[in-house]
Amino acid sequence: MRFQELLREQEHKITTAYHITTVENAEEILYGGLTPSDGKIYLVADTGDKAKLKDELSTVSQWMHAKTERTQEPLTMLKINVAGLPLKYDSGWYTSLVPIAPERITDLGQDVLGGY
């Protein structure tokens, strides 16, 4: 299993990833960037497989809706340029161990999540 993860990390040619968060957090992220608060920034990487991307975005969207169910905080999706950033493949998800500058991040808005 670890061998496959190392292979994916070495073959990393991913240029775009997504991050789903609350609108309030997104405002802070757009100002200060993404920083790994627990050592990792979890990302949904666009590997070119549209069906897999849609499935993973749907999964993360559902997790975030469940997490914010009590507060009803609106969610948004951030598009991130990860070209040249070191990504790690861990337990089925790509993560960044380094901060991501705000210049690399675009807020796609709340309506985009409706498709997932």
N, C-alpha and C. Protein backbone atom coordinates (compact mmCIF):
# COMPACT_ATOMS: atom_id res chain seq x y z
N MET A 1 0.83 -1.20 0.00
CA MET A 1 0.00 0.00 0.00
C MET A 1 0.87 1.26 0.00
N ARG A 2 1.86 1.33 0.86
CA ARG A 2 2.70 2.51 0.94
C ARG A 2 3.46 2.70 -0.38
N PHE A 3 3.83 1.63 -1.04
CA PHE A 3 4.50 1.70 -2.33
C PHE A 3 3.64 2.44 -3.35
N GLN A 4 2.35 2.11 -3.40
CA GLN A 4 1.44 2.78 -4.32
C GLN A 4 1.33 4.26 -4.01
N GLU A 5 1.31 4.61 -2.73
CA GLU A 5 1.24 6.01 -2.33
C GLU A 5 2.51 6.75 -2.77
N LEU A 6 3.66 6.13 -2.62
CA LEU A 6 4.91 6.75 -3.05
C LEU A 6 4.94 6.95 -4.56
N LEU A 7 4.43 5.97 -5.30
CA LEU A 7 4.35 6.09 -6.74
C LEU A 7 3.50 7.28 -7.15
N ARG A 8 2.34 7.42 -6.52
CA ARG A 8 1.45 8.54 -6.85
C ARG A 8 2.09 9.88 -6.54
N GLU A 9 2.81 9.95 -5.42
CA GLU A 9 3.49 11.19 -5.06
C GLU A 9 4.55 11.54 -6.10
N GLN A 10 5.31 10.55 -6.54
CA GLN A 10 6.37 10.80 -7.50
C GLN A 10 5.82 11.15 -8.88
N GLU A 11 4.67 10.60 -9.23
CA GLU A 11 4.07 10.84 -10.53
C GLU A 11 3.18 12.09 -10.53
N HIS A 12 3.16 12.80 -9.47
CA HIS A 12 2.27 13.96 -9.30
C HIS A 12 2.47 14.99 -10.41
N LYS A 13 1.46 15.10 -11.24
CA LYS A 13 1.42 16.12 -12.28
C LYS A 13 0.14 16.93 -12.14
N ILE A 14 -0.39 16.92 -10.97
CA ILE A 14 -1.66 17.58 -10.69
C ILE A 14 -1.45 19.09 -10.65
N THR A 15 -2.32 19.82 -11.32
CA THR A 15 -2.21 21.27 -11.32
C THR A 15 -3.38 21.94 -10.61
N THR A 16 -4.49 21.21 -10.45
CA THR A 16 -5.69 21.79 -9.84
C THR A 16 -6.22 20.87 -8.76
N ALA A 17 -6.62 21.46 -7.65
CA ALA A 17 -7.27 20.74 -6.57
C ALA A 17 -8.38 21.62 -6.00
N TYR A 18 -9.21 21.03 -5.17
CA TYR A 18 -10.35 21.75 -4.59
C TYR A 18 -10.37 21.55 -3.08
N HIS A 19 -10.94 22.52 -2.40
CA HIS A 19 -11.07 22.49 -0.95
C HIS A 19 -12.44 23.04 -0.60
N ILE A 20 -13.22 22.30 0.15
CA ILE A 20 -14.56 22.74 0.54
C ILE A 20 -14.51 23.21 1.99
N THR A 21 -15.05 24.39 2.22
CA THR A 21 -15.01 24.98 3.55
C THR A 21 -16.21 25.90 3.74
N THR A 22 -16.34 26.46 4.93
CA THR A 22 -17.42 27.42 5.17
C THR A 22 -17.09 28.75 4.49
N VAL A 23 -18.11 29.53 4.21
CA VAL A 23 -17.92 30.84 3.58
C VAL A 23 -17.03 31.71 4.48
N GLU A 24 -17.27 31.66 5.77
CA GLU A 24 -16.47 32.46 6.71
C GLU A 24 -15.00 32.06 6.65
N ASN A 25 -14.72 30.77 6.67
CA ASN A 25 -13.33 30.31 6.58
C ASN A 25 -12.72 30.69 5.23
N ALA A 26 -13.53 30.62 4.17
CA ALA A 26 -13.04 30.95 2.83
C ALA A 26 -12.55 32.39 2.78
N GLU A 27 -13.25 33.30 3.45
CA GLU A 27 -12.84 34.69 3.46
C GLU A 27 -11.46 34.84 4.08
N GLU A 28 -11.21 34.12 5.18
CA GLU A 28 -9.90 34.14 5.83
C GLU A 28 -8.83 33.50 4.94
N ILE A 29 -9.19 32.40 4.28
CA ILE A 29 -8.25 31.70 3.40
C ILE A 29 -7.86 32.57 2.21
N LEU A 30 -8.83 33.27 1.64
CA LEU A 30 -8.54 34.13 0.49
C LEU A 30 -7.62 35.28 0.88
N TYR A 31 -7.63 35.65 2.14
CA TYR A 31 -6.76 36.72 2.63
C TYR A 31 -5.38 36.19 3.02
N GLY A 32 -5.36 35.07 3.77
CA GLY A 32 -4.10 34.59 4.34
C GLY A 32 -3.57 33.29 3.79
N GLY A 33 -4.32 32.66 2.89
CA GLY A 33 -3.90 31.38 2.33
C GLY A 33 -4.32 30.20 3.19
N LEU A 34 -4.00 29.03 2.73
CA LEU A 34 -4.29 27.80 3.47
C LEU A 34 -3.04 27.37 4.22
N THR A 35 -3.19 27.10 5.50
CA THR A 35 -2.08 26.61 6.30
C THR A 35 -2.47 25.28 6.93
N PRO A 36 -1.54 24.35 6.99
CA PRO A 36 -1.86 23.04 7.56
C PRO A 36 -1.99 23.11 9.08
N SER A 37 -3.21 23.28 9.56
CA SER A 37 -3.43 23.44 11.01
C SER A 37 -3.12 22.17 11.79
N ASP A 38 -3.38 21.01 11.20
CA ASP A 38 -3.06 19.75 11.89
C ASP A 38 -1.92 19.02 11.17
N GLY A 39 -1.13 19.77 10.43
CA GLY A 39 -0.01 19.19 9.70
C GLY A 39 -0.31 18.87 8.25
N LYS A 40 -1.58 18.91 7.86
CA LYS A 40 -1.97 18.58 6.50
C LYS A 40 -3.10 19.49 6.03
N ILE A 41 -3.09 19.77 4.73
CA ILE A 41 -4.22 20.45 4.09
C ILE A 41 -4.83 19.41 3.16
N TYR A 42 -6.04 18.99 3.45
CA TYR A 42 -6.69 17.97 2.63
C TYR A 42 -7.28 18.59 1.37
N LEU A 43 -7.01 17.95 0.25
CA LEU A 43 -7.43 18.46 -1.05
C LEU A 43 -8.12 17.38 -1.86
N VAL A 44 -9.03 17.79 -2.71
CA VAL A 44 -9.61 16.89 -3.71
C VAL A 44 -8.88 17.23 -5.01
N ALA A 45 -8.01 16.33 -5.42
CA ALA A 45 -7.16 16.59 -6.58
C ALA A 45 -7.87 16.22 -7.88
N ASP A 46 -7.70 17.07 -8.88
CA ASP A 46 -8.23 16.78 -10.21
C ASP A 46 -7.16 16.01 -10.96
N THR A 47 -7.33 14.70 -11.02
CA THR A 47 -6.36 13.82 -11.67
C THR A 47 -6.71 13.58 -13.13
N GLY A 48 -7.77 14.20 -13.61
CA GLY A 48 -8.20 14.02 -14.99
C GLY A 48 -9.36 13.05 -15.13
N ASP A 49 -9.69 12.33 -14.08
CA ASP A 49 -10.81 11.39 -14.09
C ASP A 49 -12.05 12.13 -13.57
N LYS A 50 -12.91 12.57 -14.49
CA LYS A 50 -14.06 13.40 -14.13
C LYS A 50 -15.03 12.70 -13.18
N ALA A 51 -15.26 11.40 -13.40
CA ALA A 51 -16.18 10.64 -12.53
C ALA A 51 -15.62 10.55 -11.12
N LYS A 52 -14.32 10.30 -11.00
CA LYS A 52 -13.70 10.21 -9.68
C LYS A 52 -13.73 11.56 -8.98
N LEU A 53 -13.45 12.63 -9.73
CA LEU A 53 -13.48 13.97 -9.15
C LEU A 53 -14.88 14.29 -8.62
N LYS A 54 -15.89 14.01 -9.41
CA LYS A 54 -17.26 14.29 -8.98
C LYS A 54 -17.62 13.49 -7.73
N ASP A 55 -17.22 12.22 -7.69
CA ASP A 55 -17.49 11.35 -6.55
C ASP A 55 -16.79 11.88 -5.29
N GLU A 56 -15.53 12.25 -5.42
CA GLU A 56 -14.78 12.74 -4.26
C GLU A 56 -15.31 14.08 -3.77
N LEU A 57 -15.66 14.97 -4.69
CA LEU A 57 -16.24 16.25 -4.27
C LEU A 57 -17.59 16.05 -3.58
N SER A 58 -18.36 15.09 -4.07
CA SER A 58 -19.64 14.77 -3.45
C SER A 58 -19.43 14.25 -2.03
N THR A 59 -18.46 13.37 -1.87
CA THR A 59 -18.17 12.80 -0.55
C THR A 59 -17.76 13.89 0.44
N VAL A 60 -16.84 14.74 0.03
CA VAL A 60 -16.36 15.80 0.93
C VAL A 60 -17.48 16.80 1.21
N SER A 61 -18.27 17.11 0.21
CA SER A 61 -19.40 18.02 0.39
C SER A 61 -20.37 17.47 1.43
N GLN A 62 -20.66 16.18 1.36
CA GLN A 62 -21.56 15.55 2.34
C GLN A 62 -20.95 15.59 3.74
N TRP A 63 -19.65 15.32 3.86
CA TRP A 63 -18.98 15.40 5.17
C TRP A 63 -19.11 16.79 5.74
N MET A 64 -18.86 17.80 4.92
CA MET A 64 -18.90 19.17 5.40
C MET A 64 -20.32 19.60 5.75
N HIS A 65 -21.30 19.16 4.98
CA HIS A 65 -22.70 19.48 5.32
C HIS A 65 -23.06 18.85 6.66
N ALA A 66 -22.61 17.62 6.90
CA ALA A 66 -22.89 16.96 8.18
C ALA A 66 -22.18 17.69 9.32
N LYS A 67 -20.97 18.15 9.06
CA LYS A 67 -20.18 18.84 10.08
C LYS A 67 -20.80 20.18 10.47
N THR A 68 -21.44 20.84 9.52
CA THR A 68 -22.02 22.18 9.77
C THR A 68 -23.54 22.14 9.93
N GLU A 69 -24.09 20.95 10.06
CA GLU A 69 -25.55 20.80 10.12
C GLU A 69 -26.19 21.63 11.23
N ARG A 70 -25.58 21.64 12.39
CA ARG A 70 -26.17 22.38 13.53
C ARG A 70 -26.12 23.89 13.33
N THR A 71 -25.04 24.36 12.71
CA THR A 71 -24.86 25.80 12.57
C THR A 71 -25.46 26.34 11.28
N GLN A 72 -25.71 25.46 10.32
CA GLN A 72 -26.24 25.85 9.01
C GLN A 72 -25.34 26.85 8.29
N GLU A 73 -24.03 26.79 8.59
CA GLU A 73 -23.09 27.68 7.92
C GLU A 73 -23.04 27.33 6.44
N PRO A 74 -23.11 28.32 5.57
CA PRO A 74 -23.03 28.03 4.14
C PRO A 74 -21.62 27.58 3.76
N LEU A 75 -21.56 26.69 2.78
CA LEU A 75 -20.29 26.16 2.30
C LEU A 75 -19.95 26.72 0.93
N THR A 76 -18.67 26.72 0.63
CA THR A 76 -18.20 27.15 -0.68
C THR A 76 -17.06 26.24 -1.11
N MET A 77 -16.75 26.28 -2.39
CA MET A 77 -15.67 25.46 -2.91
C MET A 77 -14.55 26.35 -3.44
N LEU A 78 -13.34 26.05 -3.00
CA LEU A 78 -12.17 26.79 -3.44
C LEU A 78 -11.41 25.98 -4.48
N LYS A 79 -11.00 26.64 -5.54
CA LYS A 79 -10.17 26.01 -6.57
C LYS A 79 -8.74 26.45 -6.30
N ILE A 80 -7.81 25.49 -6.30
CA ILE A 80 -6.44 25.78 -5.91
C ILE A 80 -5.46 25.34 -6.98
N ASN A 81 -4.58 26.23 -7.35
CA ASN A 81 -3.50 25.91 -8.28
C ASN A 81 -2.39 25.25 -7.45
N VAL A 82 -2.22 23.94 -7.63
CA VAL A 82 -1.22 23.19 -6.87
C VAL A 82 0.00 22.83 -7.71
N ALA A 83 0.11 23.40 -8.90
CA ALA A 83 1.25 23.12 -9.76
C ALA A 83 2.55 23.44 -9.03
N GLY A 84 3.44 22.47 -9.00
CA GLY A 84 4.73 22.66 -8.37
C GLY A 84 4.76 22.50 -6.86
N LEU A 85 3.61 22.33 -6.22
CA LEU A 85 3.59 22.13 -4.78
C LEU A 85 3.79 20.65 -4.46
N PRO A 86 4.51 20.35 -3.38
CA PRO A 86 4.67 18.95 -2.99
C PRO A 86 3.37 18.43 -2.38
N LEU A 87 2.81 17.41 -2.98
CA LEU A 87 1.60 16.78 -2.46
C LEU A 87 1.93 15.38 -1.98
N LYS A 88 1.21 14.96 -0.98
CA LYS A 88 1.39 13.61 -0.44
C LYS A 88 0.07 12.88 -0.59
N TYR A 89 0.13 11.64 -1.03
CA TYR A 89 -1.06 10.80 -1.14
C TYR A 89 -1.16 9.98 0.12
N ASP A 90 -2.22 10.20 0.89
CA ASP A 90 -2.35 9.57 2.20
C ASP A 90 -3.77 9.06 2.41
N SER A 91 -3.90 7.76 2.54
CA SER A 91 -5.19 7.13 2.83
C SER A 91 -6.28 7.52 1.82
N GLY A 92 -5.91 7.61 0.56
CA GLY A 92 -6.88 7.88 -0.48
C GLY A 92 -7.10 9.34 -0.82
N TRP A 93 -6.38 10.25 -0.15
CA TRP A 93 -6.55 11.67 -0.39
C TRP A 93 -5.21 12.34 -0.58
N TYR A 94 -5.18 13.38 -1.39
CA TYR A 94 -3.97 14.17 -1.53
C TYR A 94 -3.96 15.24 -0.45
N THR A 95 -2.77 15.50 0.08
CA THR A 95 -2.61 16.53 1.09
C THR A 95 -1.39 17.38 0.74
N SER A 96 -1.42 18.60 1.21
CA SER A 96 -0.25 19.47 1.12
C SER A 96 0.27 19.64 2.53
N LEU A 97 1.58 19.52 2.67
CA LEU A 97 2.21 19.71 3.97
C LEU A 97 2.80 21.11 4.11
N VAL A 98 2.68 21.88 3.03
CA VAL A 98 3.20 23.25 3.02
C VAL A 98 2.05 24.23 2.87
N PRO A 99 2.20 25.43 3.38
CA PRO A 99 1.16 26.45 3.20
C PRO A 99 0.92 26.74 1.72
N ILE A 100 -0.30 27.14 1.41
CA ILE A 100 -0.68 27.50 0.04
C ILE A 100 -1.06 28.98 0.04
N ALA A 101 -0.35 29.74 -0.77
CA ALA A 101 -0.53 31.20 -0.82
C ALA A 101 -1.91 31.57 -1.37
N PRO A 102 -2.47 32.70 -0.91
CA PRO A 102 -3.80 33.12 -1.37
C PRO A 102 -3.86 33.38 -2.88
N GLU A 103 -2.73 33.72 -3.49
CA GLU A 103 -2.71 33.98 -4.94
C GLU A 103 -3.05 32.73 -5.75
N ARG A 104 -2.92 31.57 -5.14
CA ARG A 104 -3.20 30.30 -5.81
C ARG A 104 -4.65 29.87 -5.66
N ILE A 105 -5.45 30.63 -4.92
CA ILE A 105 -6.79 30.19 -4.52
C ILE A 105 -7.87 31.07 -5.13
N THR A 106 -8.91 30.43 -5.68
CA THR A 106 -10.07 31.13 -6.23
C THR A 106 -11.32 30.56 -5.58
N ASP A 107 -12.19 31.43 -5.12
CA ASP A 107 -13.47 30.99 -4.55
C ASP A 107 -14.46 30.80 -5.69
N LEU A 108 -14.91 29.56 -5.88
CA LEU A 108 -15.87 29.26 -6.94
C LEU A 108 -17.31 29.54 -6.52
N GLY A 109 -17.53 29.77 -5.23
CA GLY A 109 -18.85 30.15 -4.74
C GLY A 109 -19.68 29.00 -4.22
N GLN A 110 -20.75 29.38 -3.57
CA GLN A 110 -21.65 28.42 -2.93
C GLN A 110 -22.44 27.60 -3.93
N ASP A 111 -22.81 28.21 -5.04
CA ASP A 111 -23.67 27.54 -6.02
C ASP A 111 -23.00 26.34 -6.68
N VAL A 112 -21.69 26.34 -6.77
CA VAL A 112 -20.97 25.24 -7.41
C VAL A 112 -21.22 23.93 -6.68
N LEU A 113 -21.35 23.99 -5.37
CA LEU A 113 -21.54 22.75 -4.59
C LEU A 113 -22.88 22.08 -4.89
N GLY A 114 -23.83 22.81 -5.41
CA GLY A 114 -25.14 22.23 -5.75
C GLY A 114 -25.03 21.09 -6.75
N GLY A 115 -23.99 21.10 -7.56
CA GLY A 115 -23.79 20.04 -8.55
C GLY A 115 -23.22 18.76 -7.96
N TYR A 116 -22.90 18.80 -6.66
CA TYR A 116 -22.31 17.65 -6.02
C TYR A 116 -23.14 17.21 -4.85
